[in-house]
Structure formats: C-alpha cells, structure tokens
N, C-alpha and C. Protein backbone atom coordinates (compact mmCIF):
# COMPACT_ATOMS: atom_id res chain seq x y z
N UNK A 1 0.83 -1.18 0.00
CA UNK A 1 0.00 0.00 0.00
C UNK A 1 0.88 1.25 0.00
N UNK A 2 0.58 2.16 -0.92
CA UNK A 2 1.38 3.36 -1.06
C UNK A 2 0.62 4.56 -0.52
N UNK A 3 1.29 5.38 0.27
CA UNK A 3 0.64 6.56 0.85
C UNK A 3 0.61 7.68 -0.19
N UNK A 4 -0.53 8.38 -0.27
CA UNK A 4 -0.62 9.51 -1.19
C UNK A 4 -0.09 10.77 -0.50
N UNK A 5 0.45 11.64 -1.30
CA UNK A 5 1.00 12.88 -0.78
C UNK A 5 -0.10 13.93 -0.80
N UNK A 6 -0.38 14.53 0.37
CA UNK A 6 -1.37 15.59 0.47
C UNK A 6 -0.67 16.91 0.69
N UNK A 7 -1.21 17.95 0.07
CA UNK A 7 -0.74 19.30 0.30
C UNK A 7 -1.87 20.03 1.00
N UNK A 8 -1.58 20.62 2.16
CA UNK A 8 -2.62 21.19 3.01
C UNK A 8 -2.57 22.71 2.99
N UNK A 9 -3.75 23.32 3.04
CA UNK A 9 -3.86 24.78 3.15
C UNK A 9 -5.11 25.16 3.91
N UNK A 10 -5.00 26.15 4.77
CA UNK A 10 -6.15 26.67 5.51
C UNK A 10 -6.54 28.00 4.89
N UNK A 11 -7.83 28.14 4.58
CA UNK A 11 -8.33 29.39 4.02
C UNK A 11 -9.36 30.00 4.94
N UNK A 12 -9.38 31.33 5.02
CA UNK A 12 -10.34 32.01 5.87
C UNK A 12 -10.92 33.21 5.15
N UNK A 13 -12.20 33.49 5.48
CA UNK A 13 -12.89 34.68 4.97
C UNK A 13 -14.08 34.93 5.87
N UNK A 14 -14.20 36.14 6.41
CA UNK A 14 -15.22 36.47 7.41
C UNK A 14 -15.15 35.43 8.53
N UNK A 15 -16.23 34.70 8.80
CA UNK A 15 -16.19 33.68 9.86
C UNK A 15 -16.03 32.28 9.28
N UNK A 16 -15.83 32.16 7.97
CA UNK A 16 -15.70 30.86 7.32
C UNK A 16 -14.25 30.38 7.40
N UNK A 17 -14.09 29.10 7.72
CA UNK A 17 -12.76 28.48 7.75
C UNK A 17 -12.80 27.22 6.90
N UNK A 18 -11.85 27.10 5.98
CA UNK A 18 -11.80 25.95 5.08
C UNK A 18 -10.48 25.21 5.27
N UNK A 19 -10.58 23.89 5.42
CA UNK A 19 -9.39 23.04 5.45
C UNK A 19 -9.33 22.32 4.11
N UNK A 20 -8.24 22.53 3.36
CA UNK A 20 -8.13 22.01 1.99
C UNK A 20 -6.97 21.03 1.92
N UNK A 21 -7.26 19.84 1.39
CA UNK A 21 -6.23 18.83 1.13
C UNK A 21 -6.18 18.60 -0.37
N UNK A 22 -5.04 18.87 -0.99
CA UNK A 22 -4.85 18.60 -2.41
C UNK A 22 -4.05 17.33 -2.55
N UNK A 23 -4.55 16.40 -3.38
CA UNK A 23 -3.79 15.18 -3.67
C UNK A 23 -3.82 14.93 -5.16
N UNK A 24 -2.78 14.32 -5.71
CA UNK A 24 -2.75 14.04 -7.15
C UNK A 24 -3.99 13.25 -7.57
N UNK A 25 -4.62 13.70 -8.66
CA UNK A 25 -5.85 13.03 -9.11
C UNK A 25 -6.33 13.58 -10.43
N UNK A 26 -7.67 13.58 -10.60
CA UNK A 26 -8.25 13.92 -11.89
C UNK A 26 -8.93 15.28 -11.93
N UNK A 27 -9.02 15.98 -10.81
CA UNK A 27 -9.60 17.31 -10.80
C UNK A 27 -10.95 17.42 -10.11
N UNK A 28 -11.34 16.42 -9.33
CA UNK A 28 -12.62 16.50 -8.61
C UNK A 28 -12.44 17.30 -7.32
N UNK A 29 -13.47 18.07 -6.99
CA UNK A 29 -13.47 18.86 -5.76
C UNK A 29 -14.64 18.38 -4.91
N UNK A 30 -14.34 17.94 -3.69
CA UNK A 30 -15.36 17.47 -2.76
C UNK A 30 -15.42 18.43 -1.58
N UNK A 31 -16.62 18.98 -1.31
CA UNK A 31 -16.80 19.93 -0.22
C UNK A 31 -17.75 19.32 0.81
N UNK A 32 -17.26 19.11 2.01
CA UNK A 32 -18.06 18.51 3.10
C UNK A 32 -18.72 17.21 2.65
N UNK A 33 -17.99 16.39 1.91
CA UNK A 33 -18.50 15.10 1.47
C UNK A 33 -19.42 15.15 0.28
N UNK A 34 -19.66 16.34 -0.28
CA UNK A 34 -20.52 16.48 -1.45
C UNK A 34 -19.74 16.97 -2.65
N UNK A 35 -20.26 16.71 -3.83
CA UNK A 35 -19.65 17.19 -5.06
C UNK A 35 -19.73 18.71 -5.09
N UNK A 36 -18.80 19.35 -5.82
CA UNK A 36 -18.75 20.82 -5.87
C UNK A 36 -20.06 21.42 -6.36
N UNK A 37 -20.62 20.87 -7.44
CA UNK A 37 -21.87 21.40 -8.00
C UNK A 37 -23.05 21.19 -7.05
N UNK A 38 -22.99 20.16 -6.24
CA UNK A 38 -24.05 19.91 -5.27
C UNK A 38 -23.99 20.86 -4.08
N UNK A 39 -22.78 21.27 -3.71
CA UNK A 39 -22.62 22.16 -2.57
C UNK A 39 -22.82 23.62 -2.98
N UNK A 40 -22.28 23.99 -4.15
CA UNK A 40 -22.41 25.35 -4.68
C UNK A 40 -23.24 25.32 -5.96
N UNK A 41 -24.58 25.50 -5.87
CA UNK A 41 -25.40 25.49 -7.08
C UNK A 41 -25.13 26.68 -8.00
N UNK A 42 -24.64 27.78 -7.44
CA UNK A 42 -24.35 28.98 -8.22
C UNK A 42 -23.02 28.80 -8.96
N UNK A 43 -23.03 29.04 -10.28
CA UNK A 43 -21.83 28.87 -11.10
C UNK A 43 -20.72 29.84 -10.71
N UNK A 44 -21.10 31.03 -10.26
CA UNK A 44 -20.11 32.03 -9.87
C UNK A 44 -19.27 31.55 -8.68
N UNK A 45 -19.92 30.88 -7.72
CA UNK A 45 -19.19 30.35 -6.57
C UNK A 45 -18.27 29.21 -6.99
N UNK A 46 -18.70 28.39 -7.94
CA UNK A 46 -17.84 27.30 -8.43
C UNK A 46 -16.62 27.86 -9.15
N UNK A 47 -16.80 28.94 -9.92
CA UNK A 47 -15.67 29.59 -10.59
C UNK A 47 -14.70 30.18 -9.57
N UNK A 48 -15.25 30.76 -8.50
CA UNK A 48 -14.42 31.33 -7.43
C UNK A 48 -13.54 30.26 -6.80
N UNK A 49 -14.14 29.10 -6.53
CA UNK A 49 -13.40 28.00 -5.89
C UNK A 49 -12.28 27.50 -6.80
N UNK A 50 -12.54 27.36 -8.09
CA UNK A 50 -11.56 26.77 -9.01
C UNK A 50 -10.54 27.76 -9.56
N UNK A 51 -10.68 29.04 -9.25
CA UNK A 51 -9.80 30.06 -9.82
C UNK A 51 -8.30 29.79 -9.64
N UNK A 52 -7.82 29.42 -8.44
CA UNK A 52 -6.38 29.16 -8.30
C UNK A 52 -5.90 27.99 -9.16
N UNK A 53 -6.74 26.96 -9.30
CA UNK A 53 -6.36 25.80 -10.11
C UNK A 53 -6.32 26.15 -11.59
N UNK A 54 -7.30 26.95 -12.05
CA UNK A 54 -7.34 27.36 -13.45
C UNK A 54 -6.17 28.28 -13.77
N UNK A 55 -5.89 29.21 -12.85
CA UNK A 55 -4.81 30.18 -13.05
C UNK A 55 -3.44 29.51 -13.19
N UNK A 56 -3.21 28.47 -12.38
CA UNK A 56 -1.92 27.78 -12.40
C UNK A 56 -1.92 26.58 -13.34
N UNK A 57 -3.03 26.35 -14.06
CA UNK A 57 -3.17 25.25 -15.03
C UNK A 57 -2.92 23.88 -14.39
N UNK A 58 -3.42 23.71 -13.16
CA UNK A 58 -3.29 22.43 -12.45
C UNK A 58 -4.66 21.84 -12.16
N UNK A 59 -5.68 22.29 -12.92
CA UNK A 59 -7.06 21.90 -12.65
C UNK A 59 -7.28 20.39 -12.77
N UNK A 60 -6.63 19.76 -13.75
CA UNK A 60 -6.83 18.33 -13.98
C UNK A 60 -5.81 17.46 -13.24
N UNK A 61 -4.90 18.07 -12.48
CA UNK A 61 -3.87 17.26 -11.81
C UNK A 61 -4.10 17.01 -10.34
N UNK A 62 -5.08 17.69 -9.73
CA UNK A 62 -5.32 17.53 -8.30
C UNK A 62 -6.77 17.26 -7.98
N UNK A 63 -6.99 16.44 -6.96
CA UNK A 63 -8.30 16.30 -6.33
C UNK A 63 -8.24 17.11 -5.05
N UNK A 64 -9.32 17.85 -4.76
CA UNK A 64 -9.37 18.66 -3.54
C UNK A 64 -10.43 18.10 -2.62
N UNK A 65 -10.03 17.81 -1.40
CA UNK A 65 -10.96 17.37 -0.36
C UNK A 65 -11.04 18.52 0.64
N UNK A 66 -12.24 19.09 0.79
CA UNK A 66 -12.41 20.31 1.57
C UNK A 66 -13.44 20.10 2.67
N UNK A 67 -13.13 20.61 3.85
CA UNK A 67 -14.14 20.75 4.90
C UNK A 67 -14.21 22.23 5.23
N UNK A 68 -15.43 22.77 5.20
CA UNK A 68 -15.61 24.19 5.43
C UNK A 68 -16.77 24.38 6.40
N UNK A 69 -16.64 25.39 7.27
CA UNK A 69 -17.72 25.68 8.21
C UNK A 69 -17.73 27.17 8.52
N UNK A 70 -18.89 27.66 8.94
CA UNK A 70 -19.03 29.05 9.34
C UNK A 70 -19.44 29.95 8.20
N UNK A 71 -20.07 31.07 8.53
CA UNK A 71 -20.45 32.12 7.62
C UNK A 71 -21.42 31.65 6.54
N UNK A 72 -21.48 32.35 5.41
CA UNK A 72 -22.42 32.03 4.33
C UNK A 72 -21.73 31.38 3.15
N UNK A 73 -22.52 31.13 2.11
CA UNK A 73 -22.03 30.40 0.94
C UNK A 73 -20.91 31.16 0.23
N UNK A 74 -21.08 32.47 0.00
CA UNK A 74 -20.07 33.26 -0.72
C UNK A 74 -18.75 33.31 0.05
N UNK A 75 -18.82 33.53 1.35
CA UNK A 75 -17.61 33.58 2.18
C UNK A 75 -16.93 32.21 2.22
N UNK A 76 -17.73 31.14 2.24
CA UNK A 76 -17.16 29.79 2.23
C UNK A 76 -16.42 29.54 0.92
N UNK A 77 -16.99 29.99 -0.20
CA UNK A 77 -16.33 29.81 -1.50
C UNK A 77 -14.99 30.55 -1.51
N UNK A 78 -14.96 31.74 -0.97
CA UNK A 78 -13.71 32.51 -0.96
C UNK A 78 -12.70 31.92 0.03
N UNK A 79 -13.17 31.33 1.11
CA UNK A 79 -12.27 30.67 2.06
C UNK A 79 -11.64 29.44 1.41
N UNK A 80 -12.43 28.70 0.63
CA UNK A 80 -11.89 27.53 -0.08
C UNK A 80 -10.86 27.97 -1.11
N UNK A 81 -11.15 29.05 -1.83
CA UNK A 81 -10.21 29.58 -2.81
C UNK A 81 -8.89 29.93 -2.14
N UNK A 82 -8.95 30.57 -0.98
CA UNK A 82 -7.75 30.95 -0.23
C UNK A 82 -6.97 29.70 0.19
N UNK A 83 -7.68 28.68 0.66
CA UNK A 83 -7.03 27.44 1.09
C UNK A 83 -6.37 26.70 -0.05
N UNK A 84 -7.03 26.65 -1.21
CA UNK A 84 -6.46 25.98 -2.40
C UNK A 84 -5.19 26.70 -2.83
N UNK A 85 -5.23 28.03 -2.83
CA UNK A 85 -4.04 28.81 -3.23
C UNK A 85 -2.87 28.53 -2.29
N UNK A 86 -3.14 28.45 -1.00
CA UNK A 86 -2.06 28.15 -0.03
C UNK A 86 -1.52 26.74 -0.21
N UNK A 87 -2.41 25.80 -0.48
CA UNK A 87 -1.97 24.42 -0.70
C UNK A 87 -1.12 24.30 -1.96
N UNK A 88 -1.48 25.05 -3.00
CA UNK A 88 -0.68 25.04 -4.24
C UNK A 88 0.71 25.59 -4.00
N UNK A 89 0.83 26.57 -3.09
CA UNK A 89 2.15 27.11 -2.75
C UNK A 89 3.01 26.05 -2.05
N UNK A 90 2.35 25.21 -1.24
CA UNK A 90 3.08 24.11 -0.60
C UNK A 90 3.56 23.10 -1.64
N UNK A 91 2.75 22.90 -2.69
CA UNK A 91 3.10 21.95 -3.74
C UNK A 91 4.31 22.45 -4.52
N UNK A 92 4.25 23.71 -4.98
CA UNK A 92 5.36 24.25 -5.76
C UNK A 92 5.51 25.74 -5.47
N UNK A 93 6.68 26.12 -5.06
CA UNK A 93 6.94 27.54 -4.74
C UNK A 93 6.96 28.39 -6.02
N UNK A 94 7.11 27.75 -7.19
CA UNK A 94 7.13 28.47 -8.47
C UNK A 94 5.76 29.06 -8.82
N UNK A 95 4.69 28.52 -8.24
CA UNK A 95 3.34 29.01 -8.52
C UNK A 95 3.00 30.26 -7.72
N UNK A 96 3.80 30.54 -6.70
CA UNK A 96 3.52 31.65 -5.79
C UNK A 96 3.39 33.02 -6.48
N UNK A 97 4.30 33.42 -7.38
CA UNK A 97 4.18 34.75 -7.99
C UNK A 97 2.86 34.96 -8.74
N UNK A 98 2.41 33.95 -9.47
CA UNK A 98 1.15 34.08 -10.21
C UNK A 98 -0.04 34.21 -9.27
N UNK A 99 -0.04 33.41 -8.19
CA UNK A 99 -1.13 33.47 -7.21
C UNK A 99 -1.11 34.80 -6.45
N UNK A 100 0.09 35.27 -6.12
CA UNK A 100 0.23 36.52 -5.38
C UNK A 100 -0.23 37.70 -6.23
N UNK A 101 0.09 37.68 -7.52
CA UNK A 101 -0.29 38.77 -8.42
C UNK A 101 -1.80 38.91 -8.51
N UNK A 102 -2.52 37.79 -8.47
CA UNK A 102 -3.99 37.81 -8.52
C UNK A 102 -4.61 38.08 -7.16
N UNK A 103 -3.80 38.16 -6.11
CA UNK A 103 -4.30 38.46 -4.77
C UNK A 103 -4.96 37.28 -4.09
N UNK A 104 -4.63 36.06 -4.50
CA UNK A 104 -5.27 34.87 -3.96
C UNK A 104 -4.63 34.39 -2.66
N UNK A 105 -3.45 34.89 -2.33
CA UNK A 105 -2.78 34.47 -1.10
C UNK A 105 -3.05 35.42 0.06
N UNK A 106 -3.64 36.56 -0.24
CA UNK A 106 -3.92 37.55 0.80
C UNK A 106 -5.23 37.22 1.48
N UNK A 107 -5.22 37.17 2.80
CA UNK A 107 -6.43 36.89 3.57
C UNK A 107 -7.27 38.16 3.59
N UNK A 108 -8.51 38.08 3.14
CA UNK A 108 -9.42 39.22 3.12
C UNK A 108 -9.91 39.45 4.55
N UNK A 109 -9.41 40.51 5.19
CA UNK A 109 -9.63 40.72 6.62
C UNK A 109 -10.91 41.49 6.94
N UNK A 110 -11.71 41.81 5.92
CA UNK A 110 -12.92 42.59 6.19
C UNK A 110 -13.92 41.78 7.00
N UNK A 111 -14.40 42.37 8.08
CA UNK A 111 -15.39 41.73 8.96
C UNK A 111 -16.58 42.67 9.11
N UNK A 112 -17.68 42.14 9.60
CA UNK A 112 -18.87 42.95 9.84
C UNK A 112 -18.64 43.81 11.07
N UNK A 113 -18.97 45.11 10.95
CA UNK A 113 -18.84 46.01 12.09
C UNK A 113 -19.94 45.74 13.10
N UNK A 114 -19.63 45.86 14.37
CA UNK A 114 -20.64 45.58 15.39
C UNK A 114 -21.64 46.72 15.48
N UNK A 115 -22.85 46.35 15.88
CA UNK A 115 -23.93 47.31 16.06
C UNK A 115 -23.64 48.17 17.28
N UNK A 116 -23.99 49.46 17.20
CA UNK A 116 -23.77 50.38 18.30
C UNK A 116 -25.02 50.43 19.18
N UNK A 117 -24.80 50.40 20.47
CA UNK A 117 -25.90 50.45 21.44
C UNK A 117 -26.68 51.75 21.27
N UNK A 118 -28.00 51.67 21.26
CA UNK A 118 -28.83 52.85 21.16
C UNK A 118 -29.02 53.37 19.75
N UNK A 119 -28.51 52.64 18.75
CA UNK A 119 -28.65 53.03 17.35
C UNK A 119 -29.12 51.81 16.55
N UNK A 120 -29.68 52.02 15.35
CA UNK A 120 -30.21 50.89 14.61
C UNK A 120 -29.15 49.98 13.96
N UNK A 121 -27.93 50.43 13.84
CA UNK A 121 -26.89 49.60 13.21
C UNK A 121 -25.51 50.13 13.54
N UNK A 122 -24.50 49.65 12.78
CA UNK A 122 -23.13 50.07 13.02
C UNK A 122 -22.90 51.52 12.57
N UNK A 123 -23.48 51.91 11.44
CA UNK A 123 -23.29 53.26 10.91
C UNK A 123 -24.60 54.06 10.89
N UNK A 124 -25.71 53.38 10.77
CA UNK A 124 -27.01 54.05 10.64
C UNK A 124 -27.39 54.74 11.95
N UNK A 125 -28.01 55.90 11.83
CA UNK A 125 -28.46 56.66 12.99
C UNK A 125 -29.96 56.86 12.88
N UNK A 126 -30.59 57.07 14.03
CA UNK A 126 -32.00 57.43 14.02
C UNK A 126 -32.14 58.83 13.43
N UNK A 127 -33.31 59.15 12.84
CA UNK A 127 -33.52 60.44 12.19
C UNK A 127 -33.41 61.57 13.21
N UNK A 128 -32.68 62.61 12.83
CA UNK A 128 -32.48 63.75 13.72
C UNK A 128 -33.68 64.67 13.63
N UNK A 129 -34.18 65.08 14.77
CA UNK A 129 -35.29 66.02 14.81
C UNK A 129 -34.84 67.26 15.59
N UNK A 130 -34.87 68.41 14.93
CA UNK A 130 -34.41 69.65 15.56
C UNK A 130 -35.42 70.11 16.63
N UNK A 131 -36.71 69.91 16.35
CA UNK A 131 -37.74 70.35 17.30
C UNK A 131 -38.64 69.21 17.67
C-alpha cells in the first residue's frame, strides 16, 4: 500500500474556515462530502473555488478534499479559494508569484462592524429632529 501525498492549506474569509487537502488526481473537488456542483449550485461560486487551479493550469492534476464551516455560501467559497491557493504554494513555490499577483494568497480581513448600542446599526443613525 502506497501513501498519497497531500498538500494542506487553511483558508479564511469572514467567519468561514476551510481546510483544503490537495492530492494528485483527476480534478474533482469534494466539499463537506458532497460534489462541488451539489454544494455550490451557483456557477459564480464554483468559478471562485476553481480560480487558483485554473490560473496555475493544475485543474486536472489535483483532487481537492475540503471541509468548510461558518459564515455564508459566498464567504465559504472565498475561504476555499484561499485554502487551495495556499496548498498550491506548498506543492510548488514556483506558482507563488502568479497566485500573489492575482491576490489569492492575501487573507481578506474585512469583517462585519458591530452594532452600536442605542442606534439601529453600526453606521445608521436614528432620524435627527431639531424640534
């Protein structure tokens, strides 16, 4: 029995955290035990997930096994994209400049601002009345 080589990457976006394992294969992506199209019905989210593989032309050479939790569907897709990009850097350091140029290795640190006490939201204010 021969052990397969896995390349690991952790991706994050908002409150979503994705653990990505890349192993040599045919290009299938499994998210939480489901096929990519079954987990992400929206084509835009599927394109987001596969962007690092398409950019580095390694789409047909790796299988991705992903577990993701937290946040919403869009943030999960971007967290997976971040994790795949990091795992590809572990596979080959030569892919790093192309991924870095597209901004796929940078963790998007934007978070939701907290609501302010006594106001309807983080930025919104109640209507001002002079009299």
